[in-house]
Structure formats: C-alpha cells, structure tokens
Amino acid sequence: MNKVLPSLLASDFSKLGEEIKIMEEAGADIFHLDIMDGQFVPNISYGIPVTEAISQASTIPLDVHLMTYNPDQFIETFSKMGVEMVSFHIEATAHAHRTIQLIQSYGMKAGIALNPQTPVEQVKHLLSSLDFVLIMTVNPGFGGQGFINECLDKISDLKSLKDSKGYTFDIEVDGGINDETAALCTAEGANLLVSGSYLFKADDKKGTITKLRG
C-alpha cells in the first residue's frame, strides 16, 4: 500500500507539536524532514535540536532527507534519535556506497535522492544496496514549487530496473505532490508520497491523506 509522508517543512513551526499530533491523528504514515545546510541547497531549514524535538513528539517513523554536503557527519546522531530512514544526494559525497553502508550499520534504511537534473543512470550501480530512492519532482531547497512532469519518466525507469533485477527498494517522490500528481507518480511505480503545502493547507487532512494514498 502507498504511504503518505507529510513534509514538516510546510508546517507552522510556532505550533510544531500540535501540527505533528494533527497529522498523526489524520493517518500520516511517516514524517519527512528536510535538513538543509545553505550550501548544497540555497536555504537553511532546521537542524539537530529541532529534529530531536520532533523525534520526541512523534509516534510514527521519521524520514530524514539530507540536502547537505558531507552527510556522513550526521548519521550517528540521527540514529540515536530513532530515525528510521535517511537519504542523501549522490552529488554530496565522493563515496556514496560507503555512506549507504554507514546508514544501514546503524539499523536505518538508506536512500539516495535524485535532483530533477540527476539521471537514474548515475545510481544504477547502487540500486541493489538501497532501501529506497527519492525522486525530487521539484528543485530542492524551497517548498511550494510546481511539479516537474518530466520526472515521471525517471520513476518509470526506476520501476523497470527494480522489476527486471528483482530489487526491493521503495520509490519515494517529493515536490508538488497533490492528489492529481500523486496518482501520476503511483501509476509509474512510486509508493512513498511526500506532501507539504498541499497537505498542511488542507481543511480535511484525513480525507486528503486518503486521497493521496489512492
């Protein structure tokens, strides 16, 4: 079954604990946390203290998306918070396979995130080791952007590789996800759907999650 991951970057930070509770009661599966360093992407989000507070408030798993250089420096810290999933960008490290192994050595699921310009071919040699692949359907760094339709081909390519090789990784999508684009993504093979502004601005969050899940 498809899972819905509210992106906490789109929440109201002045009442973050309340927002977390509302999303959990609405049926969210996993919380998605975007960690930005202002270098790999042109923005800074929340850091370790806020992430730790989220981990203490949440009763559902956490998915950390590292939009940072040198992702290895944070892995042990996130594992101590009970984070379940960590993804990083192939461009952020010279030793991607080592980073995958490091994440998994702490009992977490390892994923690689692909920017809109990053081809699937660039991570083809790593797919057998990955637990999930995150397809960015917007340019990373800011919320509220429009969905890039051309990224659907990348989801389809990933699904074909997964099926032909018997791989077991999940396909996650993030960026401009609403009920319409979610349906397009799941039709191509995605099963983890990150939604930010669309979900947090919805009046009926439970109904919106149900629609996103399909």
N, C-alpha and C. Protein backbone atom coordinates (compact mmCIF):
# COMPACT_ATOMS: atom_id res chain seq x y z
N MET A 1 0.84 -1.20 0.00
CA MET A 1 0.00 0.00 0.00
C MET A 1 0.87 1.25 0.00
N ASN A 2 0.45 2.26 -0.72
CA ASN A 2 1.17 3.53 -0.74
C ASN A 2 1.15 4.19 0.63
N LYS A 3 2.22 4.89 0.95
CA LYS A 3 2.30 5.60 2.23
C LYS A 3 2.44 7.09 1.99
N VAL A 4 1.88 7.88 2.92
CA VAL A 4 1.90 9.33 2.82
C VAL A 4 2.82 9.90 3.89
N LEU A 5 3.73 10.78 3.46
CA LEU A 5 4.73 11.36 4.35
C LEU A 5 4.57 12.88 4.38
N PRO A 6 3.93 13.43 5.40
CA PRO A 6 3.85 14.90 5.50
C PRO A 6 5.25 15.50 5.64
N SER A 7 5.52 16.54 4.86
CA SER A 7 6.80 17.23 4.93
C SER A 7 6.69 18.34 5.96
N LEU A 8 7.38 18.18 7.08
CA LEU A 8 7.24 19.13 8.18
C LEU A 8 7.80 20.51 7.87
N LEU A 9 8.52 20.64 6.77
CA LEU A 9 8.99 21.96 6.35
C LEU A 9 7.80 22.89 6.06
N ALA A 10 6.66 22.31 5.71
CA ALA A 10 5.47 23.09 5.38
C ALA A 10 4.59 23.36 6.59
N SER A 11 4.99 22.88 7.76
CA SER A 11 4.18 23.06 8.96
C SER A 11 4.36 24.45 9.54
N ASP A 12 3.53 24.79 10.51
CA ASP A 12 3.66 26.04 11.25
C ASP A 12 4.61 25.78 12.40
N PHE A 13 5.84 26.28 12.30
CA PHE A 13 6.85 25.98 13.31
C PHE A 13 6.50 26.55 14.69
N SER A 14 5.61 27.54 14.74
CA SER A 14 5.24 28.12 16.04
C SER A 14 4.36 27.17 16.85
N LYS A 15 3.81 26.15 16.19
CA LYS A 15 3.00 25.14 16.90
C LYS A 15 3.30 23.76 16.34
N LEU A 16 4.57 23.45 16.28
CA LEU A 16 5.03 22.23 15.64
C LEU A 16 4.48 20.98 16.32
N GLY A 17 4.48 20.96 17.64
CA GLY A 17 3.96 19.79 18.36
C GLY A 17 2.51 19.52 18.03
N GLU A 18 1.72 20.59 17.93
CA GLU A 18 0.29 20.45 17.59
C GLU A 18 0.12 19.95 16.16
N GLU A 19 0.94 20.46 15.24
CA GLU A 19 0.88 20.03 13.84
C GLU A 19 1.21 18.55 13.71
N ILE A 20 2.20 18.10 14.47
CA ILE A 20 2.57 16.69 14.46
C ILE A 20 1.41 15.82 14.91
N LYS A 21 0.77 16.22 16.00
CA LYS A 21 -0.35 15.45 16.54
C LYS A 21 -1.51 15.39 15.55
N ILE A 22 -1.81 16.52 14.91
CA ILE A 22 -2.90 16.59 13.94
C ILE A 22 -2.65 15.62 12.78
N MET A 23 -1.41 15.61 12.27
CA MET A 23 -1.09 14.74 11.15
C MET A 23 -1.12 13.27 11.55
N GLU A 24 -0.69 12.97 12.74
CA GLU A 24 -0.75 11.58 13.20
C GLU A 24 -2.19 11.11 13.32
N GLU A 25 -3.05 11.96 13.87
CA GLU A 25 -4.46 11.61 14.01
C GLU A 25 -5.15 11.50 12.65
N ALA A 26 -4.63 12.22 11.66
CA ALA A 26 -5.20 12.17 10.30
C ALA A 26 -4.77 10.92 9.53
N GLY A 27 -3.81 10.17 10.10
CA GLY A 27 -3.41 8.92 9.48
C GLY A 27 -2.09 8.94 8.73
N ALA A 28 -1.25 9.95 8.97
CA ALA A 28 0.05 10.01 8.31
C ALA A 28 0.87 8.77 8.65
N ASP A 29 1.67 8.31 7.70
CA ASP A 29 2.47 7.10 7.90
C ASP A 29 3.86 7.38 8.45
N ILE A 30 4.51 8.42 7.91
CA ILE A 30 5.90 8.74 8.23
C ILE A 30 6.05 10.25 8.10
N PHE A 31 6.84 10.87 8.97
CA PHE A 31 7.14 12.29 8.81
C PHE A 31 8.42 12.46 8.00
N HIS A 32 8.39 13.41 7.06
CA HIS A 32 9.54 13.69 6.20
C HIS A 32 10.20 14.98 6.68
N LEU A 33 11.50 14.91 6.95
CA LEU A 33 12.24 16.06 7.47
C LEU A 33 13.34 16.45 6.49
N ASP A 34 13.30 17.68 6.00
CA ASP A 34 14.31 18.19 5.08
C ASP A 34 15.37 18.96 5.86
N ILE A 35 16.59 18.45 5.84
CA ILE A 35 17.70 19.10 6.52
C ILE A 35 18.56 19.81 5.48
N MET A 36 18.62 21.16 5.55
CA MET A 36 19.33 21.96 4.55
C MET A 36 20.46 22.74 5.21
N ASP A 37 21.60 22.83 4.51
CA ASP A 37 22.76 23.47 5.10
C ASP A 37 23.11 24.84 4.52
N GLY A 38 22.30 25.31 3.55
CA GLY A 38 22.59 26.60 2.94
C GLY A 38 23.76 26.58 1.97
N GLN A 39 24.33 25.40 1.76
CA GLN A 39 25.46 25.24 0.85
C GLN A 39 25.10 24.31 -0.31
N PHE A 40 24.64 23.11 0.03
CA PHE A 40 24.22 22.18 -1.03
C PHE A 40 22.96 22.69 -1.72
N VAL A 41 22.08 23.31 -0.94
CA VAL A 41 20.90 23.99 -1.48
C VAL A 41 20.88 25.41 -0.92
N PRO A 42 20.27 26.36 -1.63
CA PRO A 42 20.32 27.77 -1.20
C PRO A 42 19.29 28.12 -0.14
N ASN A 43 19.26 27.34 0.94
CA ASN A 43 18.32 27.61 2.02
C ASN A 43 18.81 26.88 3.26
N ILE A 44 18.36 27.30 4.41
CA ILE A 44 18.65 26.63 5.67
C ILE A 44 17.32 26.29 6.33
N SER A 45 17.17 25.04 6.75
CA SER A 45 15.92 24.66 7.43
C SER A 45 16.21 24.49 8.91
N TYR A 46 15.75 23.43 9.50
CA TYR A 46 16.02 23.19 10.92
C TYR A 46 17.21 22.24 11.06
N GLY A 47 17.81 22.26 12.24
CA GLY A 47 18.98 21.44 12.48
C GLY A 47 18.73 20.35 13.50
N ILE A 48 19.78 19.94 14.18
CA ILE A 48 19.72 18.82 15.10
C ILE A 48 18.76 19.04 16.27
N PRO A 49 18.78 20.19 16.96
CA PRO A 49 17.88 20.37 18.11
C PRO A 49 16.40 20.25 17.75
N VAL A 50 16.01 20.86 16.63
CA VAL A 50 14.60 20.78 16.22
C VAL A 50 14.24 19.36 15.81
N THR A 51 15.14 18.71 15.09
CA THR A 51 14.90 17.32 14.70
C THR A 51 14.74 16.43 15.92
N GLU A 52 15.54 16.67 16.94
CA GLU A 52 15.43 15.88 18.17
C GLU A 52 14.09 16.12 18.84
N ALA A 53 13.62 17.36 18.85
CA ALA A 53 12.32 17.68 19.44
C ALA A 53 11.21 16.98 18.67
N ILE A 54 11.33 16.95 17.34
CA ILE A 54 10.34 16.26 16.51
C ILE A 54 10.33 14.77 16.84
N SER A 55 11.51 14.20 17.00
CA SER A 55 11.59 12.76 17.29
C SER A 55 10.94 12.43 18.63
N GLN A 56 11.02 13.33 19.57
CA GLN A 56 10.43 13.10 20.88
C GLN A 56 8.91 13.26 20.85
N ALA A 57 8.43 14.14 19.96
CA ALA A 57 6.99 14.40 19.87
C ALA A 57 6.27 13.39 18.99
N SER A 58 6.98 12.80 18.04
CA SER A 58 6.35 11.92 17.05
C SER A 58 6.20 10.49 17.56
N THR A 59 5.09 9.87 17.15
CA THR A 59 4.87 8.45 17.46
C THR A 59 4.95 7.59 16.19
N ILE A 60 5.22 8.22 15.05
CA ILE A 60 5.37 7.49 13.79
C ILE A 60 6.81 7.66 13.30
N PRO A 61 7.27 6.83 12.36
CA PRO A 61 8.67 6.89 11.91
C PRO A 61 9.05 8.23 11.29
N LEU A 62 10.35 8.51 11.27
CA LEU A 62 10.88 9.73 10.68
C LEU A 62 11.77 9.39 9.49
N ASP A 63 11.62 10.17 8.43
CA ASP A 63 12.39 10.04 7.20
C ASP A 63 13.19 11.33 7.03
N VAL A 64 14.50 11.26 7.19
CA VAL A 64 15.36 12.44 7.10
C VAL A 64 15.99 12.53 5.72
N HIS A 65 15.77 13.66 5.05
CA HIS A 65 16.33 13.93 3.73
C HIS A 65 17.45 14.95 3.90
N LEU A 66 18.68 14.51 3.73
CA LEU A 66 19.84 15.37 3.91
C LEU A 66 20.18 16.11 2.62
N MET A 67 19.90 17.41 2.60
CA MET A 67 20.32 18.28 1.49
C MET A 67 21.57 19.02 1.97
N THR A 68 22.61 18.24 2.26
CA THR A 68 23.83 18.77 2.85
C THR A 68 25.05 18.11 2.22
N TYR A 69 26.15 18.80 2.29
CA TYR A 69 27.43 18.17 1.96
C TYR A 69 27.88 17.34 3.17
N ASN A 70 28.75 16.38 2.92
CA ASN A 70 29.30 15.53 3.97
C ASN A 70 28.20 14.91 4.83
N PRO A 71 27.29 14.15 4.24
CA PRO A 71 26.17 13.59 5.00
C PRO A 71 26.60 12.65 6.12
N ASP A 72 27.76 12.03 6.00
CA ASP A 72 28.20 11.05 6.99
C ASP A 72 28.26 11.63 8.41
N GLN A 73 28.54 12.93 8.53
CA GLN A 73 28.74 13.53 9.84
C GLN A 73 27.49 13.49 10.72
N PHE A 74 26.31 13.31 10.11
CA PHE A 74 25.06 13.37 10.88
C PHE A 74 24.46 11.99 11.18
N ILE A 75 24.97 10.95 10.57
CA ILE A 75 24.29 9.65 10.60
C ILE A 75 24.13 9.10 12.01
N GLU A 76 25.20 9.07 12.77
CA GLU A 76 25.12 8.51 14.13
C GLU A 76 24.14 9.30 14.99
N THR A 77 24.15 10.61 14.86
CA THR A 77 23.25 11.45 15.66
C THR A 77 21.79 11.13 15.37
N PHE A 78 21.45 10.98 14.09
CA PHE A 78 20.07 10.67 13.73
C PHE A 78 19.67 9.28 14.21
N SER A 79 20.60 8.35 14.19
CA SER A 79 20.27 7.00 14.65
C SER A 79 19.90 7.01 16.13
N LYS A 80 20.56 7.85 16.90
CA LYS A 80 20.27 7.94 18.34
C LYS A 80 18.90 8.54 18.61
N MET A 81 18.37 9.27 17.64
CA MET A 81 17.02 9.85 17.77
C MET A 81 15.93 8.85 17.38
N GLY A 82 16.33 7.71 16.85
CA GLY A 82 15.34 6.74 16.41
C GLY A 82 14.84 6.96 15.00
N VAL A 83 15.55 7.77 14.22
CA VAL A 83 15.18 7.98 12.82
C VAL A 83 15.21 6.64 12.08
N GLU A 84 14.22 6.40 11.22
CA GLU A 84 14.12 5.13 10.52
C GLU A 84 14.72 5.16 9.12
N MET A 85 14.63 6.32 8.44
CA MET A 85 15.08 6.42 7.05
C MET A 85 15.97 7.66 6.87
N VAL A 86 17.06 7.50 6.13
CA VAL A 86 17.93 8.64 5.82
C VAL A 86 18.29 8.59 4.34
N SER A 87 18.10 9.70 3.65
CA SER A 87 18.53 9.79 2.26
C SER A 87 19.51 10.95 2.09
N PHE A 88 20.38 10.82 1.10
CA PHE A 88 21.37 11.85 0.79
C PHE A 88 21.47 11.95 -0.72
N HIS A 89 22.13 12.98 -1.19
CA HIS A 89 22.26 13.21 -2.63
C HIS A 89 23.57 12.64 -3.14
N ILE A 90 23.51 12.04 -4.30
CA ILE A 90 24.68 11.42 -4.91
C ILE A 90 25.79 12.46 -5.12
N GLU A 91 25.41 13.72 -5.36
CA GLU A 91 26.41 14.77 -5.59
C GLU A 91 27.08 15.24 -4.31
N ALA A 92 26.55 14.84 -3.16
CA ALA A 92 27.02 15.37 -1.88
C ALA A 92 28.20 14.62 -1.29
N THR A 93 28.58 13.51 -1.89
CA THR A 93 29.68 12.71 -1.35
C THR A 93 30.42 12.01 -2.48
N ALA A 94 31.70 11.79 -2.27
CA ALA A 94 32.51 11.06 -3.26
C ALA A 94 32.45 9.55 -3.02
N HIS A 95 31.81 9.15 -1.91
CA HIS A 95 31.79 7.74 -1.54
C HIS A 95 30.38 7.31 -1.15
N ALA A 96 29.50 7.28 -2.14
CA ALA A 96 28.09 7.00 -1.87
C ALA A 96 27.87 5.62 -1.26
N HIS A 97 28.57 4.62 -1.76
CA HIS A 97 28.36 3.26 -1.25
C HIS A 97 28.75 3.18 0.22
N ARG A 98 29.81 3.87 0.59
CA ARG A 98 30.24 3.89 1.99
C ARG A 98 29.17 4.55 2.86
N THR A 99 28.55 5.61 2.36
CA THR A 99 27.50 6.30 3.12
C THR A 99 26.29 5.40 3.29
N ILE A 100 25.93 4.67 2.25
CA ILE A 100 24.83 3.70 2.35
C ILE A 100 25.11 2.68 3.44
N GLN A 101 26.31 2.14 3.44
CA GLN A 101 26.70 1.14 4.43
C GLN A 101 26.69 1.72 5.84
N LEU A 102 27.11 2.97 5.97
CA LEU A 102 27.13 3.62 7.28
C LEU A 102 25.71 3.77 7.83
N ILE A 103 24.81 4.24 6.99
CA ILE A 103 23.40 4.40 7.41
C ILE A 103 22.83 3.06 7.86
N GLN A 104 23.05 2.05 7.06
CA GLN A 104 22.49 0.72 7.36
C GLN A 104 23.16 0.08 8.57
N SER A 105 24.41 0.44 8.84
CA SER A 105 25.11 -0.13 10.00
C SER A 105 24.48 0.32 11.31
N TYR A 106 23.75 1.43 11.26
CA TYR A 106 23.04 1.91 12.45
C TYR A 106 21.58 1.46 12.47
N GLY A 107 21.24 0.53 11.59
CA GLY A 107 19.90 -0.03 11.58
C GLY A 107 18.85 0.81 10.90
N MET A 108 19.28 1.81 10.13
CA MET A 108 18.34 2.66 9.42
C MET A 108 18.28 2.29 7.94
N LYS A 109 17.19 2.67 7.28
CA LYS A 109 17.06 2.45 5.85
C LYS A 109 17.80 3.55 5.10
N ALA A 110 18.53 3.16 4.06
CA ALA A 110 19.35 4.10 3.31
C ALA A 110 18.75 4.40 1.95
N GLY A 111 18.72 5.68 1.61
CA GLY A 111 18.19 6.08 0.31
C GLY A 111 19.08 7.12 -0.36
N ILE A 112 18.98 7.21 -1.65
CA ILE A 112 19.66 8.27 -2.41
C ILE A 112 18.60 9.13 -3.07
N ALA A 113 18.80 10.45 -2.98
CA ALA A 113 17.87 11.40 -3.59
C ALA A 113 18.42 11.87 -4.93
N LEU A 114 17.53 11.94 -5.91
CA LEU A 114 17.91 12.38 -7.26
C LEU A 114 17.23 13.71 -7.59
N ASN A 115 18.05 14.74 -7.81
CA ASN A 115 17.52 16.02 -8.25
C ASN A 115 16.91 15.86 -9.65
N PRO A 116 16.06 16.82 -10.06
CA PRO A 116 15.49 16.72 -11.40
C PRO A 116 16.52 16.54 -12.51
N GLN A 117 17.72 17.12 -12.36
CA GLN A 117 18.75 17.00 -13.41
C GLN A 117 19.58 15.74 -13.29
N THR A 118 19.43 14.99 -12.19
CA THR A 118 20.27 13.81 -11.96
C THR A 118 19.64 12.58 -12.58
N PRO A 119 20.32 11.94 -13.54
CA PRO A 119 19.74 10.78 -14.21
C PRO A 119 19.77 9.53 -13.33
N VAL A 120 18.82 8.64 -13.55
CA VAL A 120 18.78 7.36 -12.85
C VAL A 120 20.06 6.58 -13.10
N GLU A 121 20.61 6.72 -14.28
CA GLU A 121 21.83 6.01 -14.65
C GLU A 121 22.97 6.26 -13.65
N GLN A 122 22.95 7.42 -13.03
CA GLN A 122 24.04 7.77 -12.12
C GLN A 122 24.04 6.92 -10.84
N VAL A 123 22.90 6.32 -10.51
CA VAL A 123 22.85 5.49 -9.30
C VAL A 123 22.54 4.03 -9.61
N LYS A 124 22.55 3.69 -10.88
CA LYS A 124 22.20 2.33 -11.31
C LYS A 124 23.04 1.27 -10.61
N HIS A 125 24.32 1.56 -10.40
CA HIS A 125 25.24 0.60 -9.79
C HIS A 125 25.03 0.45 -8.29
N LEU A 126 24.19 1.30 -7.70
CA LEU A 126 23.96 1.27 -6.25
C LEU A 126 22.59 0.70 -5.87
N LEU A 127 21.74 0.46 -6.85
CA LEU A 127 20.35 0.09 -6.57
C LEU A 127 20.20 -1.19 -5.76
N SER A 128 21.10 -2.13 -5.95
CA SER A 128 20.99 -3.39 -5.21
C SER A 128 21.24 -3.20 -3.72
N SER A 129 21.89 -2.09 -3.35
CA SER A 129 22.22 -1.83 -1.94
C SER A 129 21.21 -0.92 -1.25
N LEU A 130 20.37 -0.25 -2.02
CA LEU A 130 19.50 0.77 -1.46
C LEU A 130 18.18 0.21 -0.93
N ASP A 131 17.66 0.89 0.10
CA ASP A 131 16.34 0.56 0.64
C ASP A 131 15.26 1.40 -0.04
N PHE A 132 15.64 2.59 -0.50
CA PHE A 132 14.70 3.43 -1.24
C PHE A 132 15.45 4.45 -2.09
N VAL A 133 14.76 4.96 -3.10
CA VAL A 133 15.29 6.04 -3.93
C VAL A 133 14.28 7.17 -3.88
N LEU A 134 14.76 8.39 -3.62
CA LEU A 134 13.91 9.56 -3.55
C LEU A 134 14.04 10.37 -4.83
N ILE A 135 12.96 10.44 -5.58
CA ILE A 135 12.92 11.24 -6.80
C ILE A 135 12.39 12.62 -6.47
N MET A 136 13.23 13.64 -6.63
CA MET A 136 12.78 15.01 -6.43
C MET A 136 12.03 15.47 -7.68
N THR A 137 10.77 15.85 -7.48
CA THR A 137 9.95 16.31 -8.60
C THR A 137 9.82 17.84 -8.60
N VAL A 138 10.66 18.48 -7.79
CA VAL A 138 10.92 19.92 -7.86
C VAL A 138 12.42 20.10 -7.60
N ASN A 139 12.94 21.29 -7.82
CA ASN A 139 14.32 21.58 -7.45
C ASN A 139 14.40 21.76 -5.94
N PRO A 140 15.29 21.07 -5.26
CA PRO A 140 15.30 21.07 -3.80
C PRO A 140 15.72 22.40 -3.21
N GLY A 141 15.22 22.68 -2.01
CA GLY A 141 15.63 23.87 -1.28
C GLY A 141 14.48 24.75 -0.81
N PHE A 142 13.35 24.70 -1.50
CA PHE A 142 12.22 25.54 -1.14
C PHE A 142 10.91 24.76 -1.33
N GLY A 143 9.95 25.00 -0.45
CA GLY A 143 8.65 24.37 -0.58
C GLY A 143 7.74 25.14 -1.51
N GLY A 144 6.61 24.53 -1.85
CA GLY A 144 5.58 25.21 -2.62
C GLY A 144 5.83 25.33 -4.11
N GLN A 145 6.79 24.58 -4.65
CA GLN A 145 7.07 24.66 -6.09
C GLN A 145 6.15 23.76 -6.90
N GLY A 146 6.08 24.03 -8.19
CA GLY A 146 5.25 23.24 -9.08
C GLY A 146 5.93 21.94 -9.49
N PHE A 147 5.13 20.91 -9.69
CA PHE A 147 5.59 19.57 -10.08
C PHE A 147 6.23 19.59 -11.46
N ILE A 148 7.38 18.93 -11.61
CA ILE A 148 8.07 18.82 -12.90
C ILE A 148 7.68 17.50 -13.55
N ASN A 149 6.84 17.57 -14.57
CA ASN A 149 6.26 16.36 -15.16
C ASN A 149 7.30 15.42 -15.77
N GLU A 150 8.40 15.98 -16.26
CA GLU A 150 9.41 15.15 -16.89
C GLU A 150 10.02 14.12 -15.93
N CYS A 151 9.88 14.36 -14.62
CA CYS A 151 10.43 13.44 -13.63
C CYS A 151 9.66 12.12 -13.58
N LEU A 152 8.48 12.10 -14.17
CA LEU A 152 7.70 10.85 -14.20
C LEU A 152 8.45 9.76 -14.96
N ASP A 153 9.21 10.15 -15.99
CA ASP A 153 9.98 9.16 -16.75
C ASP A 153 11.03 8.49 -15.87
N LYS A 154 11.58 9.24 -14.93
CA LYS A 154 12.60 8.68 -14.04
C LYS A 154 11.98 7.65 -13.09
N ILE A 155 10.77 7.92 -12.64
CA ILE A 155 10.07 6.94 -11.79
C ILE A 155 9.84 5.66 -12.57
N SER A 156 9.39 5.81 -13.81
CA SER A 156 9.14 4.66 -14.67
C SER A 156 10.42 3.87 -14.93
N ASP A 157 11.51 4.58 -15.19
CA ASP A 157 12.80 3.91 -15.43
C ASP A 157 13.25 3.13 -14.19
N LEU A 158 13.08 3.74 -13.04
CA LEU A 158 13.45 3.07 -11.79
C LEU A 158 12.63 1.81 -11.57
N LYS A 159 11.33 1.92 -11.81
CA LYS A 159 10.43 0.78 -11.62
C LYS A 159 10.81 -0.35 -12.57
N SER A 160 11.17 -0.03 -13.79
CA SER A 160 11.59 -1.06 -14.76
C SER A 160 12.84 -1.78 -14.29
N LEU A 161 13.82 -1.02 -13.80
CA LEU A 161 15.05 -1.61 -13.28
C LEU A 161 14.76 -2.48 -12.06
N LYS A 162 13.91 -1.98 -11.20
CA LYS A 162 13.54 -2.72 -9.99
C LYS A 162 12.92 -4.07 -10.34
N ASP A 163 11.98 -4.05 -11.27
CA ASP A 163 11.28 -5.28 -11.66
C ASP A 163 12.20 -6.24 -12.41
N SER A 164 13.01 -5.71 -13.30
CA SER A 164 13.85 -6.59 -14.12
C SER A 164 14.97 -7.26 -13.32
N LYS A 165 15.43 -6.57 -12.29
CA LYS A 165 16.54 -7.10 -11.47
C LYS A 165 16.07 -7.76 -10.18
N GLY A 166 14.78 -7.64 -9.87
CA GLY A 166 14.27 -8.22 -8.64
C GLY A 166 14.68 -7.45 -7.39
N TYR A 167 14.93 -6.14 -7.55
CA TYR A 167 15.30 -5.31 -6.40
C TYR A 167 14.07 -5.05 -5.52
N THR A 168 14.31 -4.63 -4.30
CA THR A 168 13.21 -4.44 -3.35
C THR A 168 13.08 -3.01 -2.84
N PHE A 169 13.84 -2.08 -3.40
CA PHE A 169 13.79 -0.70 -2.88
C PHE A 169 12.43 -0.04 -3.13
N ASP A 170 12.06 0.87 -2.23
CA ASP A 170 10.87 1.68 -2.41
C ASP A 170 11.21 2.89 -3.29
N ILE A 171 10.18 3.45 -3.91
CA ILE A 171 10.35 4.66 -4.72
C ILE A 171 9.56 5.79 -4.07
N GLU A 172 10.29 6.78 -3.61
CA GLU A 172 9.70 7.93 -2.92
C GLU A 172 9.71 9.13 -3.85
N VAL A 173 8.68 9.96 -3.78
CA VAL A 173 8.64 11.19 -4.58
C VAL A 173 8.36 12.38 -3.67
N ASP A 174 8.97 13.51 -4.02
CA ASP A 174 8.84 14.70 -3.19
C ASP A 174 8.87 15.94 -4.08
N GLY A 175 7.80 16.75 -3.97
CA GLY A 175 7.76 18.01 -4.70
C GLY A 175 6.50 18.20 -5.51
N GLY A 176 5.67 19.15 -5.09
CA GLY A 176 4.44 19.43 -5.83
C GLY A 176 3.44 18.30 -5.82
N ILE A 177 3.43 17.51 -4.74
CA ILE A 177 2.54 16.35 -4.68
C ILE A 177 1.16 16.73 -4.15
N ASN A 178 0.16 16.54 -5.00
CA ASN A 178 -1.25 16.67 -4.62
C ASN A 178 -1.97 15.41 -5.09
N ASP A 179 -3.28 15.37 -4.99
CA ASP A 179 -3.96 14.12 -5.35
C ASP A 179 -3.79 13.79 -6.84
N GLU A 180 -3.68 14.81 -7.68
CA GLU A 180 -3.52 14.58 -9.12
C GLU A 180 -2.12 14.06 -9.44
N THR A 181 -1.09 14.75 -8.94
CA THR A 181 0.29 14.32 -9.24
C THR A 181 0.64 13.04 -8.50
N ALA A 182 0.04 12.82 -7.34
CA ALA A 182 0.27 11.56 -6.62
C ALA A 182 -0.20 10.38 -7.46
N ALA A 183 -1.35 10.53 -8.10
CA ALA A 183 -1.88 9.46 -8.95
C ALA A 183 -0.95 9.20 -10.13
N LEU A 184 -0.38 10.26 -10.70
CA LEU A 184 0.55 10.10 -11.82
C LEU A 184 1.81 9.35 -11.36
N CYS A 185 2.29 9.69 -10.18
CA CYS A 185 3.52 9.06 -9.66
C CYS A 185 3.30 7.60 -9.30
N THR A 186 2.18 7.30 -8.67
CA THR A 186 1.92 5.91 -8.28
C THR A 186 1.67 5.04 -9.51
N ALA A 187 1.11 5.64 -10.55
CA ALA A 187 0.88 4.89 -11.79
C ALA A 187 2.20 4.45 -12.41
N GLU A 188 3.26 5.22 -12.16
CA GLU A 188 4.59 4.89 -12.71
C GLU A 188 5.39 4.00 -11.78
N GLY A 189 4.92 3.83 -10.53
CA GLY A 189 5.61 2.90 -9.64
C GLY A 189 6.02 3.44 -8.28
N ALA A 190 5.77 4.73 -8.00
CA ALA A 190 6.11 5.29 -6.69
C ALA A 190 5.17 4.75 -5.63
N ASN A 191 5.68 4.57 -4.41
CA ASN A 191 4.82 4.09 -3.32
C ASN A 191 4.98 4.87 -2.02
N LEU A 192 5.92 5.83 -1.99
CA LEU A 192 6.08 6.71 -0.84
C LEU A 192 5.89 8.14 -1.33
N LEU A 193 4.87 8.83 -0.81
CA LEU A 193 4.47 10.13 -1.33
C LEU A 193 4.66 11.22 -0.28
N VAL A 194 5.60 12.12 -0.54
CA VAL A 194 5.85 13.24 0.36
C VAL A 194 4.99 14.42 -0.08
N SER A 195 4.26 14.99 0.86
CA SER A 195 3.40 16.14 0.53
C SER A 195 3.56 17.21 1.60
N GLY A 196 3.78 18.45 1.15
CA GLY A 196 3.99 19.55 2.07
C GLY A 196 2.84 20.52 2.12
N SER A 197 2.94 21.59 1.35
CA SER A 197 1.95 22.66 1.39
C SER A 197 0.53 22.16 1.13
N TYR A 198 0.39 21.29 0.14
CA TYR A 198 -0.94 20.79 -0.23
C TYR A 198 -1.62 20.11 0.95
N LEU A 199 -0.87 19.34 1.71
CA LEU A 199 -1.43 18.60 2.83
C LEU A 199 -1.65 19.48 4.04
N PHE A 200 -0.68 20.32 4.37
CA PHE A 200 -0.80 21.14 5.58
C PHE A 200 -1.85 22.24 5.44
N LYS A 201 -2.12 22.67 4.21
CA LYS A 201 -3.14 23.70 3.99
C LYS A 201 -4.55 23.12 3.83
N ALA A 202 -4.65 21.80 3.76
CA ALA A 202 -5.95 21.17 3.55
C ALA A 202 -6.83 21.31 4.79
N ASP A 203 -8.11 21.59 4.59
CA ASP A 203 -9.05 21.66 5.70
C ASP A 203 -9.33 20.27 6.26
N ASP A 204 -9.49 19.31 5.37
CA ASP A 204 -9.74 17.92 5.77
C ASP A 204 -8.47 17.11 5.54
N LYS A 205 -7.62 17.09 6.55
CA LYS A 205 -6.32 16.43 6.38
C LYS A 205 -6.46 14.91 6.28
N LYS A 206 -7.38 14.34 7.02
CA LYS A 206 -7.59 12.89 6.94
C LYS A 206 -8.07 12.49 5.55
N GLY A 207 -9.03 13.23 5.04
CA GLY A 207 -9.54 12.94 3.69
C GLY A 207 -8.47 13.17 2.63
N THR A 208 -7.64 14.17 2.82
CA THR A 208 -6.56 14.45 1.87
C THR A 208 -5.53 13.33 1.86
N ILE A 209 -5.17 12.83 3.04
CA ILE A 209 -4.24 11.71 3.12
C ILE A 209 -4.81 10.48 2.43
N THR A 210 -6.09 10.24 2.63
CA THR A 210 -6.76 9.10 1.99
C THR A 210 -6.70 9.23 0.47
N LYS A 211 -6.95 10.46 -0.04
CA LYS A 211 -6.89 10.68 -1.49
C LYS A 211 -5.46 10.51 -2.02
N LEU A 212 -4.49 11.02 -1.29
CA LEU A 212 -3.11 10.89 -1.73
C LEU A 212 -2.70 9.43 -1.79
N ARG A 213 -3.15 8.69 -0.78
CA ARG A 213 -2.78 7.27 -0.71
C ARG A 213 -3.40 6.48 -1.86
N GLY A 214 -4.51 6.97 -2.38
CA GLY A 214 -5.14 6.33 -3.53
C GLY A 214 -5.93 5.10 -3.19
